[in-house]
Amino acid sequence: MILSGGKNSRLFCKSVSFLHQMVFKMLFDIWSI
């Protein structure tokens, strides 16, 4: 899906997904202890 935002929206989506991955990883690490 191509958004009219172009590069900025794609970069934003990438950073958001990256943050989500980090948060989930931290949560899993905390839960596994």
PDB file of N, CA and C in Angstrom:
ATOM      1  N   MET A   1       0.845  -1.198   0.000  1.00  0.00           N
ATOM      2  CA  MET A   1       0.000   0.000   0.000  1.00  0.00           C
ATOM      3  C   MET A   1       0.882   1.250   0.000  1.00  0.00           C
ATOM      4  N   ILE A   2       0.719   2.095  -0.979  1.00  0.00           N
ATOM      5  CA  ILE A   2       1.528   3.314  -1.072  1.00  0.00           C
ATOM      6  C   ILE A   2       0.735   4.493  -0.525  1.00  0.00           C
ATOM      7  N   LEU A   3       1.265   5.135   0.512  1.00  0.00           N
ATOM      8  CA  LEU A   3       0.577   6.291   1.098  1.00  0.00           C
ATOM      9  C   LEU A   3       1.053   7.565   0.432  1.00  0.00           C
ATOM     10  N   SER A   4       0.201   8.583   0.463  1.00  0.00           N
ATOM     11  CA  SER A   4       0.565   9.864  -0.162  1.00  0.00           C
ATOM     12  C   SER A   4       1.694  10.541   0.613  1.00  0.00           C
ATOM     13  N   GLY A   5       1.943  10.080   1.841  1.00  0.00           N
ATOM     14  CA  GLY A   5       3.004  10.675   2.651  1.00  0.00           C
ATOM     15  C   GLY A   5       4.380  10.372   2.089  1.00  0.00           C
ATOM     16  N   GLY A   6       4.475   9.269   1.346  1.00  0.00           N
ATOM     17  CA  GLY A   6       5.757   8.927   0.732  1.00  0.00           C
ATOM     18  C   GLY A   6       6.767   8.389   1.725  1.00  0.00           C
ATOM     19  N   LYS A   7       7.983   8.934   1.646  1.00  0.00           N
ATOM     20  CA  LYS A   7       9.085   8.431   2.478  1.00  0.00           C
ATOM     21  C   LYS A   7       8.785   8.579   3.963  1.00  0.00           C
ATOM     22  N   ASN A   8       8.273   9.753   4.371  1.00  0.00           N
ATOM     23  CA  ASN A   8       8.069  10.025   5.796  1.00  0.00           C
ATOM     24  C   ASN A   8       7.165   8.983   6.445  1.00  0.00           C
ATOM     25  N   SER A   9       6.021   8.687   5.824  1.00  0.00           N
ATOM     26  CA  SER A   9       5.088   7.736   6.425  1.00  0.00           C
ATOM     27  C   SER A   9       5.720   6.345   6.511  1.00  0.00           C
ATOM     28  N   ARG A  10       6.499   5.975   5.469  1.00  0.00           N
ATOM     29  CA  ARG A  10       7.132   4.658   5.497  1.00  0.00           C
ATOM     30  C   ARG A  10       8.147   4.595   6.633  1.00  0.00           C
ATOM     31  N   LEU A  11       8.934   5.670   6.777  1.00  0.00           N
ATOM     32  CA  LEU A  11       9.937   5.719   7.843  1.00  0.00           C
ATOM     33  C   LEU A  11       9.241   5.664   9.202  1.00  0.00           C
ATOM     34  N   PHE A  12       8.117   6.383   9.319  1.00  0.00           N
ATOM     35  CA  PHE A  12       7.354   6.407  10.568  1.00  0.00           C
ATOM     36  C   PHE A  12       6.864   5.008  10.909  1.00  0.00           C
ATOM     37  N   CYS A  13       6.304   4.313   9.911  1.00  0.00           N
ATOM     38  CA  CYS A  13       5.799   2.952  10.143  1.00  0.00           C
ATOM     39  C   CYS A  13       6.934   2.041  10.587  1.00  0.00           C
ATOM     40  N   LYS A  14       8.096   2.187   9.941  1.00  0.00           N
ATOM     41  CA  LYS A  14       9.244   1.340  10.286  1.00  0.00           C
ATOM     42  C   LYS A  14       9.661   1.570  11.730  1.00  0.00           C
ATOM     43  N   SER A  15       9.778   2.845  12.126  1.00  0.00           N
ATOM     44  CA  SER A  15      10.224   3.154  13.485  1.00  0.00           C
ATOM     45  C   SER A  15       9.198   2.670  14.502  1.00  0.00           C
ATOM     46  N   VAL A  16       7.910   2.815  14.181  1.00  0.00           N
ATOM     47  CA  VAL A  16       6.855   2.379  15.105  1.00  0.00           C
ATOM     48  C   VAL A  16       6.913   0.866  15.288  1.00  0.00           C
ATOM     49  N   SER A  17       7.047   0.128  14.190  1.00  0.00           N
ATOM     50  CA  SER A  17       7.103  -1.334  14.289  1.00  0.00           C
ATOM     51  C   SER A  17       8.356  -1.759  15.057  1.00  0.00           C
ATOM     52  N   PHE A  18       9.470  -1.024  14.854  1.00  0.00           N
ATOM     53  CA  PHE A  18      10.712  -1.336  15.560  1.00  0.00           C
ATOM     54  C   PHE A  18      10.517  -1.143  17.062  1.00  0.00           C
ATOM     55  N   LEU A  19       9.851  -0.030  17.445  1.00  0.00           N
ATOM     56  CA  LEU A  19       9.592   0.237  18.859  1.00  0.00           C
ATOM     57  C   LEU A  19       8.703  -0.855  19.439  1.00  0.00           C
ATOM     58  N   HIS A  20       7.684  -1.268  18.681  1.00  0.00           N
ATOM     59  CA  HIS A  20       6.777  -2.313  19.160  1.00  0.00           C
ATOM     60  C   HIS A  20       7.555  -3.597  19.419  1.00  0.00           C
ATOM     61  N   GLN A  21       8.469  -3.944  18.495  1.00  0.00           N
ATOM     62  CA  GLN A  21       9.263  -5.163  18.669  1.00  0.00           C
ATOM     63  C   GLN A  21      10.095  -5.080  19.940  1.00  0.00           C
ATOM     64  N   MET A  22      10.722  -3.916  20.180  1.00  0.00           N
ATOM     65  CA  MET A  22      11.554  -3.752  21.375  1.00  0.00           C
ATOM     66  C   MET A  22      10.719  -3.889  22.640  1.00  0.00           C
ATOM     67  N   VAL A  23       9.535  -3.260  22.641  1.00  0.00           N
ATOM     68  CA  VAL A  23       8.658  -3.312  23.820  1.00  0.00           C
ATOM     69  C   VAL A  23       8.221  -4.747  24.090  1.00  0.00           C
ATOM     70  N   PHE A  24       7.806  -5.463  23.034  1.00  0.00           N
ATOM     71  CA  PHE A  24       7.362  -6.847  23.226  1.00  0.00           C
ATOM     72  C   PHE A  24       8.513  -7.704  23.737  1.00  0.00           C
ATOM     73  N   LYS A  25       9.721  -7.462  23.218  1.00  0.00           N
ATOM     74  CA  LYS A  25      10.883  -8.240  23.647  1.00  0.00           C
ATOM     75  C   LYS A  25      11.140  -8.006  25.133  1.00  0.00           C
ATOM     76  N   MET A  26      11.068  -6.736  25.557  1.00  0.00           N
ATOM     77  CA  MET A  26      11.291  -6.427  26.973  1.00  0.00           C
ATOM     78  C   MET A  26      10.232  -7.102  27.833  1.00  0.00           C
ATOM     79  N   LEU A  27       8.968  -7.042  27.382  1.00  0.00           N
ATOM     80  CA  LEU A  27       7.884  -7.661  28.147  1.00  0.00           C
ATOM     81  C   LEU A  27       8.127  -9.159  28.281  1.00  0.00           C
ATOM     82  N   PHE A  28       8.513  -9.812  27.176  1.00  0.00           N
ATOM     83  CA  PHE A  28       8.757 -11.256  27.225  1.00  0.00           C
ATOM     84  C   PHE A  28       9.912 -11.562  28.169  1.00  0.00           C
ATOM     85  N   ASP A  29      10.974 -10.730  28.127  1.00  0.00           N
ATOM     86  CA  ASP A  29      12.123 -10.952  29.015  1.00  0.00           C
ATOM     87  C   ASP A  29      11.689 -10.845  30.466  1.00  0.00           C
ATOM     88  N   ILE A  30      10.849  -9.846  30.773  1.00  0.00           N
ATOM     89  CA  ILE A  30      10.396  -9.655  32.157  1.00  0.00           C
ATOM     90  C   ILE A  30       9.520 -10.833  32.589  1.00  0.00           C
ATOM     91  N   TRP A  31       8.625 -11.271  31.696  1.00  0.00           N
ATOM     92  CA  TRP A  31       7.706 -12.360  32.046  1.00  0.00           C
ATOM     93  C   TRP A  31       8.431 -13.682  32.219  1.00  0.00           C
ATOM     94  N   SER A  32       9.504 -13.892  31.448  1.00  0.00           N
ATOM     95  CA  SER A  32      10.193 -15.190  31.469  1.00  0.00           C
ATOM     96  C   SER A  32      11.042 -15.347  32.731  1.00  0.00           C
ATOM     97  N   ILE A  33      11.326 -14.244  33.421  1.00  0.00           N
ATOM     98  CA  ILE A  33      12.166 -14.340  34.624  1.00  0.00           C
ATOM     99  C   ILE A  33      11.367 -14.981  35.754  1.00  0.00           C
TER     100      ILE A  33
END
